[in-house]
Amino acid sequence: MYDIVIQYFDKATVASPIMFSYISKAKNKNDRVDANKLGDLLKVHMIPETYMLPPKARQVREPLRYRNWFIA
């Protein structure tokens, strides 16, 4: 998904789901509220980003990941 989005935009932010655990614990939980919270965090540059490997490195890792899954 990241590769598709990055073709159309200059920058795409991939957020760490572990760091967003507070959103799932909120009382008032719906998509609009969550989107507003994410938008506010994005405005103040407080989104905890994850590192995205370059496409070549991801292409190398993908077969290895499937191999490890198959062997384990």
PDB file of N, CA and C in Angstrom:
ATOM      1  N   MET A   1       0.818  -1.185   0.000  1.00  0.00           N
ATOM      2  CA  MET A   1       0.000   0.000   0.000  1.00  0.00           C
ATOM      3  C   MET A   1       0.868   1.257   0.000  1.00  0.00           C
ATOM      4  N   TYR A   2       1.950   1.212   0.749  1.00  0.00           N
ATOM      5  CA  TYR A   2       2.846   2.363   0.828  1.00  0.00           C
ATOM      6  C   TYR A   2       3.405   2.704  -0.551  1.00  0.00           C
ATOM      7  N   ASP A   3       3.780   1.698  -1.321  1.00  0.00           N
ATOM      8  CA  ASP A   3       4.348   1.934  -2.649  1.00  0.00           C
ATOM      9  C   ASP A   3       3.345   2.611  -3.575  1.00  0.00           C
ATOM     10  N   ILE A   4       2.074   2.262  -3.457  1.00  0.00           N
ATOM     11  CA  ILE A   4       1.043   2.877  -4.294  1.00  0.00           C
ATOM     12  C   ILE A   4       0.824   4.327  -3.893  1.00  0.00           C
ATOM     13  N   VAL A   5       0.741   4.588  -2.592  1.00  0.00           N
ATOM     14  CA  VAL A   5       0.476   5.945  -2.108  1.00  0.00           C
ATOM     15  C   VAL A   5       1.631   6.874  -2.433  1.00  0.00           C
ATOM     16  N   ILE A   6       2.854   6.407  -2.291  1.00  0.00           N
ATOM     17  CA  ILE A   6       4.021   7.268  -2.494  1.00  0.00           C
ATOM     18  C   ILE A   6       4.166   7.687  -3.958  1.00  0.00           C
ATOM     19  N   GLN A   7       3.545   6.978  -4.879  1.00  0.00           N
ATOM     20  CA  GLN A   7       3.580   7.377  -6.291  1.00  0.00           C
ATOM     21  C   GLN A   7       2.801   8.666  -6.531  1.00  0.00           C
ATOM     22  N   TYR A   8       1.776   8.917  -5.734  1.00  0.00           N
ATOM     23  CA  TYR A   8       0.897  10.056  -5.951  1.00  0.00           C
ATOM     24  C   TYR A   8       1.190  11.253  -5.044  1.00  0.00           C
ATOM     25  N   PHE A   9       1.937  11.043  -3.978  1.00  0.00           N
ATOM     26  CA  PHE A   9       2.226  12.113  -3.027  1.00  0.00           C
ATOM     27  C   PHE A   9       3.717  12.214  -2.791  1.00  0.00           C
ATOM     28  N   ASP A  10       4.163  13.402  -2.388  1.00  0.00           N
ATOM     29  CA  ASP A  10       5.584  13.612  -2.111  1.00  0.00           C
ATOM     30  C   ASP A  10       6.031  12.863  -0.866  1.00  0.00           C
ATOM     31  N   LYS A  11       5.165  12.845   0.133  1.00  0.00           N
ATOM     32  CA  LYS A  11       5.528  12.207   1.398  1.00  0.00           C
ATOM     33  C   LYS A  11       4.329  11.456   1.945  1.00  0.00           C
ATOM     34  N   ALA A  12       4.585  10.282   2.448  1.00  0.00           N
ATOM     35  CA  ALA A  12       3.551   9.496   3.115  1.00  0.00           C
ATOM     36  C   ALA A  12       4.097   9.096   4.477  1.00  0.00           C
ATOM     37  N   THR A  13       3.264   9.195   5.490  1.00  0.00           N
ATOM     38  CA  THR A  13       3.665   8.858   6.844  1.00  0.00           C
ATOM     39  C   THR A  13       3.075   7.518   7.221  1.00  0.00           C
ATOM     40  N   VAL A  14       3.928   6.597   7.642  1.00  0.00           N
ATOM     41  CA  VAL A  14       3.480   5.301   8.134  1.00  0.00           C
ATOM     42  C   VAL A  14       3.635   5.331   9.643  1.00  0.00           C
ATOM     43  N   ALA A  15       2.507   5.273  10.325  1.00  0.00           N
ATOM     44  CA  ALA A  15       2.510   5.413  11.778  1.00  0.00           C
ATOM     45  C   ALA A  15       2.669   4.054  12.448  1.00  0.00           C
ATOM     46  N   SER A  16       3.299   4.070  13.585  1.00  0.00           N
ATOM     47  CA  SER A  16       3.479   2.862  14.377  1.00  0.00           C
ATOM     48  C   SER A  16       2.183   2.547  15.121  1.00  0.00           C
ATOM     49  N   PRO A  17       1.567   1.379  14.875  1.00  0.00           N
ATOM     50  CA  PRO A  17       0.299   1.062  15.539  1.00  0.00           C
ATOM     51  C   PRO A  17       0.439   0.878  17.048  1.00  0.00           C
ATOM     52  N   ILE A  18       1.593   0.474  17.499  1.00  0.00           N
ATOM     53  CA  ILE A  18       1.808   0.274  18.926  1.00  0.00           C
ATOM     54  C   ILE A  18       1.727   1.610  19.668  1.00  0.00           C
ATOM     55  N   MET A  19       2.227   2.659  19.049  1.00  0.00           N
ATOM     56  CA  MET A  19       2.227   3.969  19.688  1.00  0.00           C
ATOM     57  C   MET A  19       0.840   4.616  19.707  1.00  0.00           C
ATOM     58  N   PHE A  20      -0.091   4.084  18.934  1.00  0.00           N
ATOM     59  CA  PHE A  20      -1.434   4.639  18.884  1.00  0.00           C
ATOM     60  C   PHE A  20      -2.415   3.838  19.720  1.00  0.00           C
ATOM     61  N   SER A  21      -1.942   3.166  20.717  1.00  0.00           N
ATOM     62  CA  SER A  21      -2.831   2.356  21.543  1.00  0.00           C
ATOM     63  C   SER A  21      -3.814   3.217  22.331  1.00  0.00           C
ATOM     64  N   TYR A  22      -3.473   4.481  22.581  1.00  0.00           N
ATOM     65  CA  TYR A  22      -4.381   5.336  23.341  1.00  0.00           C
ATOM     66  C   TYR A  22      -5.669   5.609  22.564  1.00  0.00           C
ATOM     67  N   ILE A  23      -5.627   5.589  21.245  1.00  0.00           N
ATOM     68  CA  ILE A  23      -6.830   5.828  20.451  1.00  0.00           C
ATOM     69  C   ILE A  23      -7.821   4.682  20.640  1.00  0.00           C
ATOM     70  N   SER A  24      -7.326   3.466  20.708  1.00  0.00           N
ATOM     71  CA  SER A  24      -8.227   2.325  20.867  1.00  0.00           C
ATOM     72  C   SER A  24      -8.817   2.258  22.273  1.00  0.00           C
ATOM     73  N   LYS A  25      -8.224   2.958  23.229  1.00  0.00           N
ATOM     74  CA  LYS A  25      -8.719   2.939  24.607  1.00  0.00           C
ATOM     75  C   LYS A  25      -9.672   4.097  24.911  1.00  0.00           C
ATOM     76  N   ALA A  26      -9.964   4.915  23.921  1.00  0.00           N
ATOM     77  CA  ALA A  26     -10.823   6.076  24.145  1.00  0.00           C
ATOM     78  C   ALA A  26     -12.268   5.641  24.379  1.00  0.00           C
ATOM     79  N   LYS A  27     -12.995   6.447  25.154  1.00  0.00           N
ATOM     80  CA  LYS A  27     -14.407   6.146  25.417  1.00  0.00           C
ATOM     81  C   LYS A  27     -15.257   6.372  24.171  1.00  0.00           C
ATOM     82  N   ASN A  28     -15.141   7.549  23.589  1.00  0.00           N
ATOM     83  CA  ASN A  28     -15.919   7.892  22.406  1.00  0.00           C
ATOM     84  C   ASN A  28     -15.160   7.402  21.182  1.00  0.00           C
ATOM     85  N   LYS A  29     -15.538   6.254  20.650  1.00  0.00           N
ATOM     86  CA  LYS A  29     -14.770   5.608  19.594  1.00  0.00           C
ATOM     87  C   LYS A  29     -15.583   5.543  18.313  1.00  0.00           C
ATOM     88  N   ASN A  30     -15.207   6.317  17.323  1.00  0.00           N
ATOM     89  CA  ASN A  30     -15.754   6.172  15.984  1.00  0.00           C
ATOM     90  C   ASN A  30     -14.735   6.723  14.990  1.00  0.00           C
ATOM     91  N   ASP A  31     -14.974   6.507  13.711  1.00  0.00           N
ATOM     92  CA  ASP A  31     -13.991   6.884  12.698  1.00  0.00           C
ATOM     93  C   ASP A  31     -13.757   8.390  12.634  1.00  0.00           C
ATOM     94  N   ARG A  32     -14.793   9.161  12.809  1.00  0.00           N
ATOM     95  CA  ARG A  32     -14.650  10.618  12.720  1.00  0.00           C
ATOM     96  C   ARG A  32     -13.773  11.143  13.855  1.00  0.00           C
ATOM     97  N   VAL A  33     -14.002  10.662  15.058  1.00  0.00           N
ATOM     98  CA  VAL A  33     -13.203  11.094  16.213  1.00  0.00           C
ATOM     99  C   VAL A  33     -11.752  10.654  16.030  1.00  0.00           C
ATOM    100  N   ASP A  34     -11.543   9.412  15.611  1.00  0.00           N
ATOM    101  CA  ASP A  34     -10.181   8.917  15.398  1.00  0.00           C
ATOM    102  C   ASP A  34      -9.466   9.702  14.300  1.00  0.00           C
ATOM    103  N   ALA A  35     -10.165  10.016  13.222  1.00  0.00           N
ATOM    104  CA  ALA A  35      -9.565  10.787  12.129  1.00  0.00           C
ATOM    105  C   ALA A  35      -9.185  12.183  12.602  1.00  0.00           C
ATOM    106  N   ASN A  36     -10.028  12.795  13.431  1.00  0.00           N
ATOM    107  CA  ASN A  36      -9.692  14.118  13.967  1.00  0.00           C
ATOM    108  C   ASN A  36      -8.454  14.070  14.850  1.00  0.00           C
ATOM    109  N   LYS A  37      -8.355  13.039  15.675  1.00  0.00           N
ATOM    110  CA  LYS A  37      -7.168  12.894  16.540  1.00  0.00           C
ATOM    111  C   LYS A  37      -5.909  12.705  15.696  1.00  0.00           C
ATOM    112  N   LEU A  38      -5.997  11.860  14.671  1.00  0.00           N
ATOM    113  CA  LEU A  38      -4.838  11.649  13.804  1.00  0.00           C
ATOM    114  C   LEU A  38      -4.469  12.922  13.054  1.00  0.00           C
ATOM    115  N   GLY A  39      -5.474  13.662  12.593  1.00  0.00           N
ATOM    116  CA  GLY A  39      -5.214  14.922  11.913  1.00  0.00           C
ATOM    117  C   GLY A  39      -4.540  15.939  12.811  1.00  0.00           C
ATOM    118  N   ASP A  40      -4.995  16.025  14.056  1.00  0.00           N
ATOM    119  CA  ASP A  40      -4.368  16.943  15.012  1.00  0.00           C
ATOM    120  C   ASP A  40      -2.914  16.567  15.267  1.00  0.00           C
ATOM    121  N   LEU A  41      -2.646  15.273  15.422  1.00  0.00           N
ATOM    122  CA  LEU A  41      -1.269  14.824  15.641  1.00  0.00           C
ATOM    123  C   LEU A  41      -0.397  15.104  14.418  1.00  0.00           C
ATOM    124  N   LEU A  42      -0.962  14.943  13.244  1.00  0.00           N
ATOM    125  CA  LEU A  42      -0.211  15.200  12.017  1.00  0.00           C
ATOM    126  C   LEU A  42       0.118  16.688  11.877  1.00  0.00           C
ATOM    127  N   LYS A  43      -0.807  17.550  12.279  1.00  0.00           N
ATOM    128  CA  LYS A  43      -0.586  19.007  12.195  1.00  0.00           C
ATOM    129  C   LYS A  43       0.588  19.442  13.049  1.00  0.00           C
ATOM    130  N   VAL A  44       0.727  18.854  14.225  1.00  0.00           N
ATOM    131  CA  VAL A  44       1.797  19.276  15.134  1.00  0.00           C
ATOM    132  C   VAL A  44       3.023  18.365  15.041  1.00  0.00           C
ATOM    133  N   HIS A  45       3.059  17.543  14.009  1.00  0.00           N
ATOM    134  CA  HIS A  45       4.203  16.651  13.744  1.00  0.00           C
ATOM    135  C   HIS A  45       4.501  15.723  14.918  1.00  0.00           C
ATOM    136  N   MET A  46       3.455  15.129  15.478  1.00  0.00           N
ATOM    137  CA  MET A  46       3.621  14.231  16.623  1.00  0.00           C
ATOM    138  C   MET A  46       3.247  12.778  16.287  1.00  0.00           C
ATOM    139  N   ILE A  47       3.165  12.432  15.012  1.00  0.00           N
ATOM    140  CA  ILE A  47       2.862  11.059  14.614  1.00  0.00           C
ATOM    141  C   ILE A  47       4.149  10.239  14.770  1.00  0.00           C
ATOM    142  N   PRO A  48       4.095   9.172  15.541  1.00  0.00           N
ATOM    143  CA  PRO A  48       5.290   8.326  15.667  1.00  0.00           C
ATOM    144  C   PRO A  48       5.474   7.490  14.404  1.00  0.00           C
ATOM    145  N   GLU A  49       6.409   7.899  13.572  1.00  0.00           N
ATOM    146  CA  GLU A  49       6.623   7.241  12.287  1.00  0.00           C
ATOM    147  C   GLU A  49       7.449   5.971  12.441  1.00  0.00           C
ATOM    148  N   THR A  50       7.187   5.027  11.562  1.00  0.00           N
ATOM    149  CA  THR A  50       8.025   3.841  11.478  1.00  0.00           C
ATOM    150  C   THR A  50       8.921   3.984  10.264  1.00  0.00           C
ATOM    151  N   TYR A  51      10.049   3.340  10.308  1.00  0.00           N
ATOM    152  CA  TYR A  51      10.990   3.394   9.197  1.00  0.00           C
ATOM    153  C   TYR A  51      10.532   2.454   8.097  1.00  0.00           C
ATOM    154  N   MET A  52      10.449   2.953   6.886  1.00  0.00           N
ATOM    155  CA  MET A  52      10.099   2.125   5.737  1.00  0.00           C
ATOM    156  C   MET A  52      11.369   1.836   4.950  1.00  0.00           C
ATOM    157  N   LEU A  53      11.639   0.574   4.761  1.00  0.00           N
ATOM    158  CA  LEU A  53      12.798   0.181   3.976  1.00  0.00           C
ATOM    159  C   LEU A  53      12.625   0.609   2.529  1.00  0.00           C
ATOM    160  N   PRO A  54      13.724   0.815   1.823  1.00  0.00           N
ATOM    161  CA  PRO A  54      13.618   1.094   0.391  1.00  0.00           C
ATOM    162  C   PRO A  54      12.994  -0.109  -0.333  1.00  0.00           C
ATOM    163  N   PRO A  55      12.383   0.123  -1.496  1.00  0.00           N
ATOM    164  CA  PRO A  55      11.704  -0.967  -2.211  1.00  0.00           C
ATOM    165  C   PRO A  55      12.600  -2.173  -2.512  1.00  0.00           C
ATOM    166  N   LYS A  56      13.849  -1.935  -2.850  1.00  0.00           N
ATOM    167  CA  LYS A  56      14.760  -3.056  -3.147  1.00  0.00           C
ATOM    168  C   LYS A  56      14.952  -3.958  -1.935  1.00  0.00           C
ATOM    169  N   ALA A  57      15.132  -3.358  -0.782  1.00  0.00           N
ATOM    170  CA  ALA A  57      15.340  -4.137   0.442  1.00  0.00           C
ATOM    171  C   ALA A  57      14.086  -4.921   0.802  1.00  0.00           C
ATOM    172  N   ARG A  58      12.913  -4.325   0.574  1.00  0.00           N
ATOM    173  CA  ARG A  58      11.669  -5.047   0.860  1.00  0.00           C
ATOM    174  C   ARG A  58      11.481  -6.211  -0.099  1.00  0.00           C
ATOM    175  N   GLN A  59      11.917  -6.048  -1.348  1.00  0.00           N
ATOM    176  CA  GLN A  59      11.816  -7.142  -2.315  1.00  0.00           C
ATOM    177  C   GLN A  59      12.710  -8.307  -1.918  1.00  0.00           C
ATOM    178  N   VAL A  60      13.846  -8.030  -1.331  1.00  0.00           N
ATOM    179  CA  VAL A  60      14.751  -9.094  -0.884  1.00  0.00           C
ATOM    180  C   VAL A  60      14.187  -9.792   0.341  1.00  0.00           C
ATOM    181  N   ARG A  61      13.599  -9.039   1.253  1.00  0.00           N
ATOM    182  CA  ARG A  61      13.093  -9.618   2.502  1.00  0.00           C
ATOM    183  C   ARG A  61      11.827 -10.452   2.321  1.00  0.00           C
ATOM    184  N   GLU A  62      11.016 -10.124   1.328  1.00  0.00           N
ATOM    185  CA  GLU A  62       9.737 -10.812   1.178  1.00  0.00           C
ATOM    186  C   GLU A  62       9.890 -12.318   0.977  1.00  0.00           C
ATOM    187  N   PRO A  63      10.724 -12.798   0.052  1.00  0.00           N
ATOM    188  CA  PRO A  63      10.878 -14.260  -0.073  1.00  0.00           C
ATOM    189  C   PRO A  63      11.452 -14.906   1.185  1.00  0.00           C
ATOM    190  N   LEU A  64      12.328 -14.181   1.880  1.00  0.00           N
ATOM    191  CA  LEU A  64      12.892 -14.725   3.114  1.00  0.00           C
ATOM    192  C   LEU A  64      11.826 -14.861   4.192  1.00  0.00           C
ATOM    193  N   ARG A  65      10.911 -13.913   4.244  1.00  0.00           N
ATOM    194  CA  ARG A  65       9.827 -13.971   5.217  1.00  0.00           C
ATOM    195  C   ARG A  65       8.933 -15.187   4.950  1.00  0.00           C
ATOM    196  N   TYR A  66       8.620 -15.421   3.666  1.00  0.00           N
ATOM    197  CA  TYR A  66       7.799 -16.584   3.321  1.00  0.00           C
ATOM    198  C   TYR A  66       8.544 -17.882   3.611  1.00  0.00           C
ATOM    199  N   ARG A  67       9.837 -17.893   3.374  1.00  0.00           N
ATOM    200  CA  ARG A  67      10.637 -19.089   3.654  1.00  0.00           C
ATOM    201  C   ARG A  67      10.622 -19.397   5.142  1.00  0.00           C
ATOM    202  N   ASN A  68      10.831 -18.394   5.970  1.00  0.00           N
ATOM    203  CA  ASN A  68      10.817 -18.587   7.417  1.00  0.00           C
ATOM    204  C   ASN A  68       9.448 -19.045   7.912  1.00  0.00           C
ATOM    205  N   TRP A  69       8.379 -18.498   7.325  1.00  0.00           N
ATOM    206  CA  TRP A  69       7.027 -18.918   7.697  1.00  0.00           C
ATOM    207  C   TRP A  69       6.789 -20.376   7.321  1.00  0.00           C
ATOM    208  N   PHE A  70       7.295 -20.779   6.163  1.00  0.00           N
ATOM    209  CA  PHE A  70       7.090 -22.151   5.671  1.00  0.00           C
ATOM    210  C   PHE A  70       7.868 -23.167   6.505  1.00  0.00           C
ATOM    211  N   ILE A  71       9.085 -22.814   6.894  1.00  0.00           N
ATOM    212  CA  ILE A  71       9.937 -23.734   7.659  1.00  0.00           C
ATOM    213  C   ILE A  71       9.492 -23.841   9.097  1.00  0.00           C
ATOM    214  N   ALA A  72       9.087 -22.754   9.695  1.00  0.00           N
ATOM    215  CA  ALA A  72       8.707 -22.747  11.107  1.00  0.00           C
ATOM    216  C   ALA A  72       7.441 -23.485  11.277  1.00  0.00           C
TER     217      ALA A  72
END
